[in-house]
Amino acid sequence: MSMDFSHELIIPNEDIPFKLFLFEGKDGNYRRAKHWHRSVEIFLVLEGALEFFINNVSFPLEAVDFMIVNSNEIHSIESPDPNTTIVVQIPVSCFSGYMKNDGYPVFSKQGEEENLRLAQLIVQIYQVYQNKELAYDLRVRSLFYELLYLLITCFMKAEEDQGNIRHKQNLDRLSRITSYMKKHYDQNITLESVADTFGFSPTYLSRMFKRYADVSYKSYLLDLRTEYGFREMMNTDHNLSEVALNNGFPDSRAFAKAFKKRYGCLPSDYRKWYSKTEK
């Protein structure tokens, strides 16, 4: 299934060495379920507010504030109200020359002056990329390397302890499995079939999800299908039965049940509300 999800407002990154986009929960009434990735991610809220959960700890964000999400850090996001949030995703390989072998870069917010400089750099990068004037890509890269320099010299913490590194290495292994699930979520992928694909027993794979991601295989897959269903519902005129079947649900009732659990309302009601706000 191939689809163009304009709702995410993702800026293609073929011409720059990182990802830059506006947060997909910009319209509010949105929740991003627990997930993780190898990239270092920075969320900069320009307008509105978000609530971050990192390892189940709440971090409310208001304008103008940012959150640094470290590599393989389990996080989720609540976006009840409209907001404008710039997201920068930096491949962990960008920091490889500044860590010990098998280490992971760890960043944390600093003093007011350093935090303001980081926020200003991200806004500059976004504005230059949006305007796309002559040689914009060179200017974006220049600002990006300045951002990397700032992160490494002012925001990087000392090496993590071995327990944290082992935990993140296990999340790396689990990431290969979740990447497979993201490619096949619309098919009938069971715990047993995925375990077999990767040479694990179903019990072992189930335990991996619970121990290292703090979520069950079934919940992760359901959240994945609901999220992709939400995107299709908002960016096409497909009816809800089509949306459900396209995203791995047996019928529209199952999709509606999962949608209501995650977003707090029925998909049909959300669609009506959204169409009114767009007029």
Protein backbone atom coordinates (compact mmCIF):
# COMPACT_ATOMS: atom_id res chain seq x y z
CA MET A 1 0.00 0.00 0.00
CA SER A 2 1.47 3.34 -1.04
CA MET A 3 0.06 6.66 0.08
CA ASP A 4 1.06 10.30 0.24
CA PHE A 5 0.49 11.59 3.76
CA SER A 6 0.49 15.36 3.37
CA HIS A 7 -0.88 15.80 6.89
CA GLU A 8 2.59 15.11 8.36
CA LEU A 9 4.11 18.06 6.46
CA ILE A 10 7.34 16.12 6.28
CA ILE A 11 10.10 17.95 4.46
CA PRO A 12 12.04 15.51 2.23
CA ASN A 13 15.65 15.28 3.28
CA GLU A 14 17.32 14.14 0.06
CA ASP A 15 19.29 17.40 -0.02
CA ILE A 16 20.22 17.60 3.68
CA PRO A 17 21.88 15.09 6.06
CA PHE A 18 19.03 15.05 8.60
CA LYS A 19 15.23 15.16 8.81
CA LEU A 20 13.31 18.37 9.35
CA PHE A 21 9.52 18.59 9.61
CA LEU A 22 6.54 20.00 11.48
CA PHE A 23 5.11 17.70 14.15
CA GLU A 24 2.15 15.74 12.79
CA GLY A 25 0.04 16.47 15.88
CA LYS A 26 -0.19 20.16 14.90
CA ASP A 27 -4.03 20.13 14.87
CA GLY A 28 -4.36 18.84 18.43
CA ASN A 29 -6.39 15.92 19.78
CA TYR A 30 -3.42 13.71 18.92
CA ARG A 31 -1.36 11.13 20.76
CA ARG A 32 1.86 9.50 19.58
CA ALA A 33 2.20 6.13 21.28
CA LYS A 34 5.39 4.82 22.89
CA HIS A 35 8.20 4.47 20.37
CA TRP A 36 11.95 4.81 20.02
CA HIS A 37 14.58 5.23 17.31
CA ARG A 38 18.33 5.49 16.88
CA SER A 39 18.20 9.13 15.82
CA VAL A 40 18.62 11.98 18.29
CA GLU A 41 15.41 14.00 18.09
CA ILE A 42 14.75 17.62 19.08
CA PHE A 43 11.19 18.97 19.41
CA LEU A 44 11.00 22.77 19.48
CA VAL A 45 7.54 24.16 20.36
CA LEU A 46 6.99 27.58 18.77
CA GLU A 47 3.25 27.93 19.50
CA GLY A 48 0.89 26.00 21.74
CA ALA A 49 1.97 23.17 24.05
CA LEU A 50 2.87 19.46 24.14
CA GLU A 51 3.34 16.92 26.90
CA PHE A 52 6.26 14.52 26.56
CA PHE A 53 6.65 11.24 28.37
CA ILE A 54 10.18 9.86 28.47
CA ASN A 55 10.48 6.51 30.26
CA ASN A 56 7.02 7.30 31.72
CA VAL A 57 8.15 10.64 33.23
CA SER A 58 6.07 13.67 32.17
CA PHE A 59 7.72 16.76 30.64
CA PRO A 60 5.22 19.54 29.72
CA LEU A 61 6.47 21.86 26.94
CA GLU A 62 5.19 25.34 26.17
CA ALA A 63 6.31 27.93 23.63
CA VAL A 64 9.23 28.56 23.29
CA ASP A 65 10.77 25.40 24.72
CA PHE A 66 12.33 22.19 23.44
CA MET A 67 12.92 18.57 24.35
CA ILE A 68 15.94 16.49 23.36
CA VAL A 69 15.05 12.80 22.91
CA ASN A 70 18.16 10.66 23.02
CA SER A 71 18.86 7.63 20.88
CA ASN A 72 16.72 4.60 21.83
CA GLU A 73 14.90 6.51 24.57
CA ILE A 74 11.30 5.30 24.86
CA HIS A 75 8.93 8.25 24.54
CA SER A 76 5.34 9.19 23.78
CA ILE A 77 3.68 12.54 23.10
CA GLU A 78 0.29 14.01 24.04
CA SER A 79 -0.93 16.88 21.85
CA PRO A 80 -4.44 17.85 23.03
CA ASP A 81 -4.34 21.35 21.52
CA PRO A 82 -3.13 22.86 18.22
CA ASN A 83 0.57 23.67 18.15
CA THR A 84 3.46 24.56 15.87
CA THR A 85 6.43 22.34 16.62
CA ILE A 86 9.62 21.91 14.57
CA VAL A 87 11.17 18.45 14.74
CA VAL A 88 14.82 17.77 13.91
CA GLN A 89 15.98 14.14 13.63
CA ILE A 90 19.76 13.71 13.62
CA PRO A 91 21.28 10.33 12.67
CA VAL A 92 23.31 8.94 15.57
CA SER A 93 26.19 8.40 13.10
CA CYS A 94 26.75 12.19 13.12
CA PHE A 95 28.23 11.81 16.61
CA SER A 96 30.26 8.63 16.01
CA GLY A 97 33.65 10.34 16.12
CA TYR A 98 32.96 11.80 19.56
CA MET A 99 31.98 8.67 21.51
CA LYS A 100 33.71 5.53 22.70
CA ASN A 101 33.10 2.30 20.81
CA ASP A 102 29.53 1.02 21.15
CA GLY A 103 28.59 4.14 23.09
CA TYR A 104 25.48 6.26 22.63
CA PRO A 105 25.41 10.05 22.64
CA VAL A 106 23.44 11.47 25.55
CA PHE A 107 22.30 15.09 25.58
CA SER A 108 20.50 17.19 28.16
CA LYS A 109 19.24 20.78 28.35
CA GLN A 110 21.67 23.36 29.72
CA GLY A 111 21.56 26.95 30.91
CA GLU A 112 19.27 29.64 29.53
CA GLU A 113 21.90 31.08 27.16
CA GLU A 114 22.84 27.72 25.59
CA ASN A 115 19.19 26.65 25.31
CA LEU A 116 18.26 29.90 23.57
CA ARG A 117 21.14 29.49 21.10
CA LEU A 118 20.01 25.97 20.24
CA ALA A 119 16.40 27.12 19.71
CA GLN A 120 17.53 30.02 17.52
CA LEU A 121 19.65 27.71 15.36
CA ILE A 122 16.75 25.34 14.75
CA VAL A 123 14.45 28.23 13.78
CA GLN A 124 17.14 29.56 11.41
CA ILE A 125 17.57 26.14 9.80
CA TYR A 126 13.83 25.79 9.30
CA GLN A 127 13.39 29.28 7.84
CA VAL A 128 16.31 28.91 5.42
CA TYR A 129 15.01 25.53 4.26
CA GLN A 130 11.48 26.85 3.80
CA ASN A 131 12.59 29.89 1.80
CA LYS A 132 14.87 27.86 -0.51
CA GLU A 133 16.84 30.81 -1.81
CA LEU A 134 20.02 30.47 -3.88
CA ALA A 135 22.49 28.01 -2.26
CA TYR A 136 20.04 27.40 0.62
CA ASP A 137 21.34 23.84 0.99
CA LEU A 138 24.84 25.13 1.76
CA ARG A 139 23.47 27.52 4.37
CA VAL A 140 21.33 24.77 5.93
CA ARG A 141 24.35 22.46 6.14
CA SER A 142 26.43 25.26 7.64
CA LEU A 143 23.80 25.89 10.34
CA PHE A 144 23.37 22.14 10.89
CA TYR A 145 27.10 21.68 11.57
CA GLU A 146 26.92 24.62 13.95
CA LEU A 147 24.04 22.80 15.70
CA LEU A 148 26.12 19.60 15.91
CA TYR A 149 29.05 21.57 17.34
CA LEU A 150 26.79 23.18 19.95
CA LEU A 151 25.28 19.81 20.92
CA ILE A 152 28.67 18.10 21.25
CA THR A 153 30.45 20.91 23.11
CA CYS A 154 27.63 22.17 25.35
CA PHE A 155 24.86 19.57 25.58
CA MET A 156 26.59 16.17 25.49
CA LYS A 157 26.82 14.32 28.80
CA ALA A 158 29.45 11.84 29.95
CA GLU A 159 29.23 8.22 28.76
CA GLU A 160 26.25 6.24 30.02
CA ASP A 161 26.68 3.37 32.42
CA GLN A 162 26.92 -0.13 31.00
CA GLY A 163 23.38 -1.06 32.08
CA ASN A 164 21.89 1.74 29.99
CA ILE A 165 24.10 0.87 27.02
CA ARG A 166 23.00 -2.79 27.14
CA HIS A 167 19.37 -1.69 27.34
CA LYS A 168 19.79 0.50 24.25
CA GLN A 169 21.59 -2.29 22.40
CA ASN A 170 18.59 -4.53 23.05
CA LEU A 171 16.30 -1.78 21.75
CA ASP A 172 18.47 -1.73 18.61
CA ARG A 173 17.66 -5.41 18.11
CA LEU A 174 13.98 -4.76 18.76
CA SER A 175 14.10 -1.85 16.29
CA ARG A 176 14.84 -4.28 13.46
CA ILE A 177 11.65 -6.14 14.39
CA THR A 178 9.51 -3.00 14.64
CA SER A 179 10.87 -1.80 11.27
CA TYR A 180 9.61 -5.07 9.79
CA MET A 181 6.24 -4.53 11.48
CA LYS A 182 5.98 -1.01 10.02
CA LYS A 183 6.39 -2.49 6.53
CA HIS A 184 3.83 -5.26 7.08
CA TYR A 185 1.37 -3.82 9.65
CA ASP A 186 -1.46 -3.95 7.09
CA GLN A 187 -1.01 -7.72 6.72
CA ASN A 188 -1.90 -10.56 9.06
CA ILE A 189 1.31 -10.51 11.11
CA THR A 190 0.93 -12.47 14.32
CA LEU A 191 3.36 -12.71 17.22
CA GLU A 192 4.11 -16.26 16.06
CA SER A 193 4.78 -15.30 12.43
CA VAL A 194 7.07 -12.37 13.34
CA ALA A 195 8.94 -14.48 15.89
CA ASP A 196 9.45 -17.17 13.24
CA THR A 197 10.73 -14.58 10.73
CA PHE A 198 13.46 -13.50 13.16
CA GLY A 199 14.24 -16.96 14.55
CA PHE A 200 12.81 -16.38 18.04
CA SER A 201 10.20 -18.25 20.01
CA PRO A 202 6.90 -16.34 20.46
CA THR A 203 7.45 -16.33 24.23
CA TYR A 204 10.91 -14.77 23.87
CA LEU A 205 9.68 -12.08 21.45
CA SER A 206 6.76 -11.24 23.74
CA ARG A 207 9.16 -10.91 26.66
CA MET A 208 11.46 -8.64 24.60
CA PHE A 209 8.63 -6.20 23.95
CA LYS A 210 7.49 -6.10 27.58
CA ARG A 211 11.00 -5.84 29.05
CA TYR A 212 12.69 -3.42 26.68
CA ALA A 213 9.79 -1.39 25.23
CA ASP A 214 7.39 -1.58 28.19
CA VAL A 215 4.54 -2.46 25.81
CA SER A 216 3.05 -5.73 24.58
CA TYR A 217 3.44 -6.92 20.98
CA LYS A 218 -0.33 -6.74 20.49
CA SER A 219 -0.57 -3.16 21.83
CA TYR A 220 2.35 -2.01 19.69
CA LEU A 221 0.82 -3.48 16.53
CA LEU A 222 -2.62 -2.04 17.34
CA ASP A 223 -1.14 1.44 17.93
CA LEU A 224 0.76 1.17 14.65
CA ARG A 225 -2.39 0.28 12.70
CA THR A 226 -4.42 2.99 14.42
CA GLU A 227 -1.79 5.64 13.69
CA TYR A 228 -1.54 4.75 10.01
CA GLY A 229 -5.34 4.52 9.85
CA PHE A 230 -5.57 8.03 11.32
CA ARG A 231 -3.20 9.36 8.65
CA GLU A 232 -5.14 7.73 5.80
CA MET A 233 -8.46 8.92 7.22
CA MET A 234 -7.25 12.53 7.38
CA ASN A 235 -5.59 12.63 3.98
CA THR A 236 -7.96 10.72 1.71
CA ASP A 237 -11.70 10.57 1.10
CA HIS A 238 -11.75 6.80 1.72
CA ASN A 239 -14.68 5.63 3.81
CA LEU A 240 -13.93 4.19 7.24
CA SER A 241 -14.41 0.59 6.11
CA GLU A 242 -11.74 1.09 3.45
CA VAL A 243 -9.43 2.75 5.97
CA ALA A 244 -9.90 -0.13 8.40
CA LEU A 245 -9.18 -2.84 5.82
CA ASN A 246 -6.22 -0.94 4.34
CA ASN A 247 -4.54 -0.82 7.75
CA GLY A 248 -4.90 -4.36 9.01
CA PHE A 249 -8.23 -4.12 10.87
CA PRO A 250 -10.88 -6.79 10.22
CA ASP A 251 -13.65 -4.17 9.94
CA SER A 252 -14.57 -0.55 10.70
CA ARG A 253 -15.87 -1.46 14.18
CA ALA A 254 -12.45 -2.74 15.24
CA PHE A 255 -10.83 0.42 13.85
CA ALA A 256 -13.38 2.65 15.64
CA LYS A 257 -12.77 0.85 18.95
CA ALA A 258 -8.98 1.24 18.70
CA PHE A 259 -9.31 4.85 17.51
CA LYS A 260 -11.57 5.84 20.40
CA LYS A 261 -9.23 4.25 22.93
CA ARG A 262 -6.29 6.22 21.54
CA TYR A 263 -7.84 9.56 20.54
CA GLY A 264 -10.86 9.72 22.86
CA CYS A 265 -13.54 9.92 20.16
CA LEU A 266 -14.91 7.97 17.20
CA PRO A 267 -13.12 8.39 13.84
CA SER A 268 -16.33 9.62 12.19
CA ASP A 269 -16.70 12.36 14.84
CA TYR A 270 -13.06 13.38 14.49
CA ARG A 271 -13.42 13.62 10.72
CA LYS A 272 -16.50 15.87 11.07
CA TRP A 273 -14.77 18.08 13.63
CA TYR A 274 -11.66 18.41 11.47
CA SER A 275 -13.64 19.27 8.31
CA LYS A 276 -15.37 22.11 10.22
CA THR A 277 -12.09 23.54 11.52
CA GLU A 278 -10.62 23.55 8.00
CA LYS A 279 -13.45 25.74 6.57
